[in-house]
C-alpha atoms as a PDB file:
ATOM      1  CA  UNK A   1       6.720  10.276  10.824  1.00  0.00           C
ATOM      2  CA  UNK A   2       3.601  10.138   8.386  1.00  0.00           C
ATOM      3  CA  UNK A   3       0.509   7.707   7.373  1.00  0.00           C
ATOM      4  CA  UNK A   4      -1.011   7.645   4.296  1.00  0.00           C
ATOM      5  CA  UNK A   5      -4.153   5.182   3.557  1.00  0.00           C
ATOM      6  CA  UNK A   6      -4.303   3.983   0.206  1.00  0.00           C
ATOM      7  CA  UNK A   7      -7.269   2.440  -1.798  1.00  0.00           C
ATOM      8  CA  UNK A   8      -6.076   1.127  -5.244  1.00  0.00           C
ATOM      9  CA  UNK A   9      -8.663   0.316  -7.620  1.00  0.00           C
ATOM     10  CA  UNK A  10      -8.554  -1.957 -10.940  1.00  0.00           C
ATOM     11  CA  UNK A  11      -7.352  -5.331 -11.843  1.00  0.00           C
ATOM     12  CA  UNK A  12      -5.323  -5.667  -8.336  1.00  0.00           C
ATOM     13  CA  UNK A  13      -6.543  -8.538  -6.606  1.00  0.00           C
ATOM     14  CA  UNK A  14      -5.328 -12.212  -7.817  1.00  0.00           C
ATOM     15  CA  UNK A  15      -1.832 -10.484  -9.082  1.00  0.00           C
ATOM     16  CA  UNK A  16       0.665 -10.842  -6.153  1.00  0.00           C
ATOM     17  CA  UNK A  17      -0.378  -7.112  -5.380  1.00  0.00           C
ATOM     18  CA  UNK A  18      -0.145  -7.763  -1.551  1.00  0.00           C
ATOM     19  CA  UNK A  19       2.608  -9.653  -1.119  1.00  0.00           C
ATOM     20  CA  UNK A  20       4.682  -7.256  -3.597  1.00  0.00           C
ATOM     21  CA  UNK A  21       3.415  -4.414  -1.602  1.00  0.00           C
ATOM     22  CA  UNK A  22       4.814  -6.215   1.518  1.00  0.00           C
ATOM     23  CA  UNK A  23       8.181  -6.827  -0.054  1.00  0.00           C
ATOM     24  CA  UNK A  24       8.280  -3.162  -1.247  1.00  0.00           C
ATOM     25  CA  UNK A  25       7.352  -1.713   2.173  1.00  0.00           C
ATOM     26  CA  UNK A  26      10.021  -3.704   3.874  1.00  0.00           C
ATOM     27  CA  UNK A  27      12.656  -2.738   1.468  1.00  0.00           C
ATOM     28  CA  UNK A  28      11.736   0.919   2.161  1.00  0.00           C
ATOM     29  CA  UNK A  29      11.308   0.351   5.724  1.00  0.00           C
ATOM     30  CA  UNK A  30       7.865   1.548   5.652  1.00  0.00           C
ATOM     31  CA  UNK A  31       5.377  -0.134   8.166  1.00  0.00           C
ATOM     32  CA  UNK A  32       1.609  -0.686   8.323  1.00  0.00           C
ATOM     33  CA  UNK A  33      -0.677  -3.297   6.594  1.00  0.00           C
ATOM     34  CA  UNK A  34      -2.167  -4.174   3.167  1.00  0.00           C
ATOM     35  CA  UNK A  35      -5.661  -6.082   2.457  1.00  0.00           C
ATOM     36  CA  UNK A  36      -8.089  -7.054  -0.152  1.00  0.00           C
ATOM     37  CA  UNK A  37     -11.328  -5.275  -0.217  1.00  0.00           C
ATOM     38  CA  UNK A  38     -14.758  -6.955  -0.788  1.00  0.00           C
ATOM     39  CA  UNK A  39     -15.402  -4.567  -3.666  1.00  0.00           C
ATOM     40  CA  UNK A  40     -12.354  -5.794  -5.562  1.00  0.00           C
ATOM     41  CA  UNK A  41      -9.871  -2.862  -4.536  1.00  0.00           C
ATOM     42  CA  UNK A  42      -6.689  -3.243  -2.457  1.00  0.00           C
ATOM     43  CA  UNK A  43      -6.174  -1.114   0.856  1.00  0.00           C
ATOM     44  CA  UNK A  44      -2.938  -0.341   2.335  1.00  0.00           C
ATOM     45  CA  UNK A  45      -1.976   2.056   5.072  1.00  0.00           C
ATOM     46  CA  UNK A  46       1.661   3.177   5.163  1.00  0.00           C
ATOM     47  CA  UNK A  47       3.491   4.504   7.878  1.00  0.00           C
ATOM     48  CA  UNK A  48       7.136   5.804   8.298  1.00  0.00           C
ATOM     49  CA  UNK A  49       9.481   8.349   6.788  1.00  0.00           C
ATOM     50  CA  UNK A  50       7.643  10.829   4.661  1.00  0.00           C
ATOM     51  CA  UNK A  51       9.745  10.283   1.729  1.00  0.00           C
ATOM     52  CA  UNK A  52       9.637   6.344   1.885  1.00  0.00           C
ATOM     53  CA  UNK A  53       5.561   6.470   2.341  1.00  0.00           C
ATOM     54  CA  UNK A  54       5.384   8.694  -0.653  1.00  0.00           C
ATOM     55  CA  UNK A  55       7.558   6.137  -2.483  1.00  0.00           C
ATOM     56  CA  UNK A  56       4.998   3.608  -1.472  1.00  0.00           C
ATOM     57  CA  UNK A  57       1.939   5.744  -2.739  1.00  0.00           C
ATOM     58  CA  UNK A  58       3.741   5.972  -6.100  1.00  0.00           C
ATOM     59  CA  UNK A  59       4.545   2.175  -6.247  1.00  0.00           C
ATOM     60  CA  UNK A  60       0.721   1.666  -5.596  1.00  0.00           C
ATOM     61  CA  UNK A  61       0.052   3.608  -8.564  1.00  0.00           C
ATOM     62  CA  UNK A  62       1.196   0.760 -10.727  1.00  0.00           C
ATOM     63  CA  UNK A  63       1.727  -2.165  -8.484  1.00  0.00           C
ATOM     64  CA  UNK A  64       3.409  -5.498  -9.570  1.00  0.00           C
ATOM     65  CA  UNK A  65       3.897  -6.303 -13.195  1.00  0.00           C
ATOM     66  CA  UNK A  66       0.544  -8.183 -13.903  1.00  0.00           C
ATOM     67  CA  UNK A  67      -1.600  -5.278 -11.978  1.00  0.00           C
ATOM     68  CA  UNK A  68      -3.556  -2.924 -13.961  1.00  0.00           C
ATOM     69  CA  UNK A  69      -4.294   0.179 -11.693  1.00  0.00           C
ATOM     70  CA  UNK A  70      -7.154   2.399 -13.106  1.00  0.00           C
ATOM     71  CA  UNK A  71      -6.766   4.738  -9.948  1.00  0.00           C
ATOM     72  CA  UNK A  72      -5.645   5.538  -6.397  1.00  0.00           C
ATOM     73  CA  UNK A  73      -7.372   7.283  -3.875  1.00  0.00           C
ATOM     74  CA  UNK A  74      -5.128   8.538  -0.805  1.00  0.00           C
ATOM     75  CA  UNK A  75      -5.849   9.862   2.565  1.00  0.00           C
ATOM     76  CA  UNK A  76      -3.503  11.497   5.174  1.00  0.00           C
ATOM     77  CA  UNK A  77      -4.000   9.562   8.514  1.00  0.00           C
ATOM     78  CA  UNK A  78      -2.634   9.913  12.147  1.00  0.00           C
ATOM     79  CA  UNK A  79       0.436   7.857  12.526  1.00  0.00           C
ATOM     80  CA  UNK A  80      -0.723   4.396  14.227  1.00  0.00           C
ATOM     81  CA  UNK A  81       2.679   3.364  15.790  1.00  0.00           C
ATOM     82  CA  UNK A  82       2.774  -0.008  13.731  1.00  0.00           C
ATOM     83  CA  UNK A  83       5.549  -1.989  14.322  1.00  0.00           C
ATOM     84  CA  UNK A  84       5.789  -4.072  11.355  1.00  0.00           C
ATOM     85  CA  UNK A  85       4.033  -4.176   7.483  1.00  0.00           C
ATOM     86  CA  UNK A  86       1.523  -7.247   7.202  1.00  0.00           C
ATOM     87  CA  UNK A  87      -0.524  -8.904   4.847  1.00  0.00           C
ATOM     88  CA  UNK A  88      -4.484  -9.024   6.055  1.00  0.00           C
END
């Protein structure tokens, strides 16, 4: 089990980013959460199998079709034991 915190910058709010992220996470068996930040970025926490988490980090680098991702920051974190992926 691994966990990564991701902050995605660019035009990432109002483009279905959070719901698309939830769908992708469920497809890959990843738990955690995603939320819009007041600064216009999107923050997500991905937890699960290391390969699946890295797939989600890579997905965050482009997001859904209408997103325009400028940069992604990532940090390793201790697993939190989430049981599902939620949109906050």
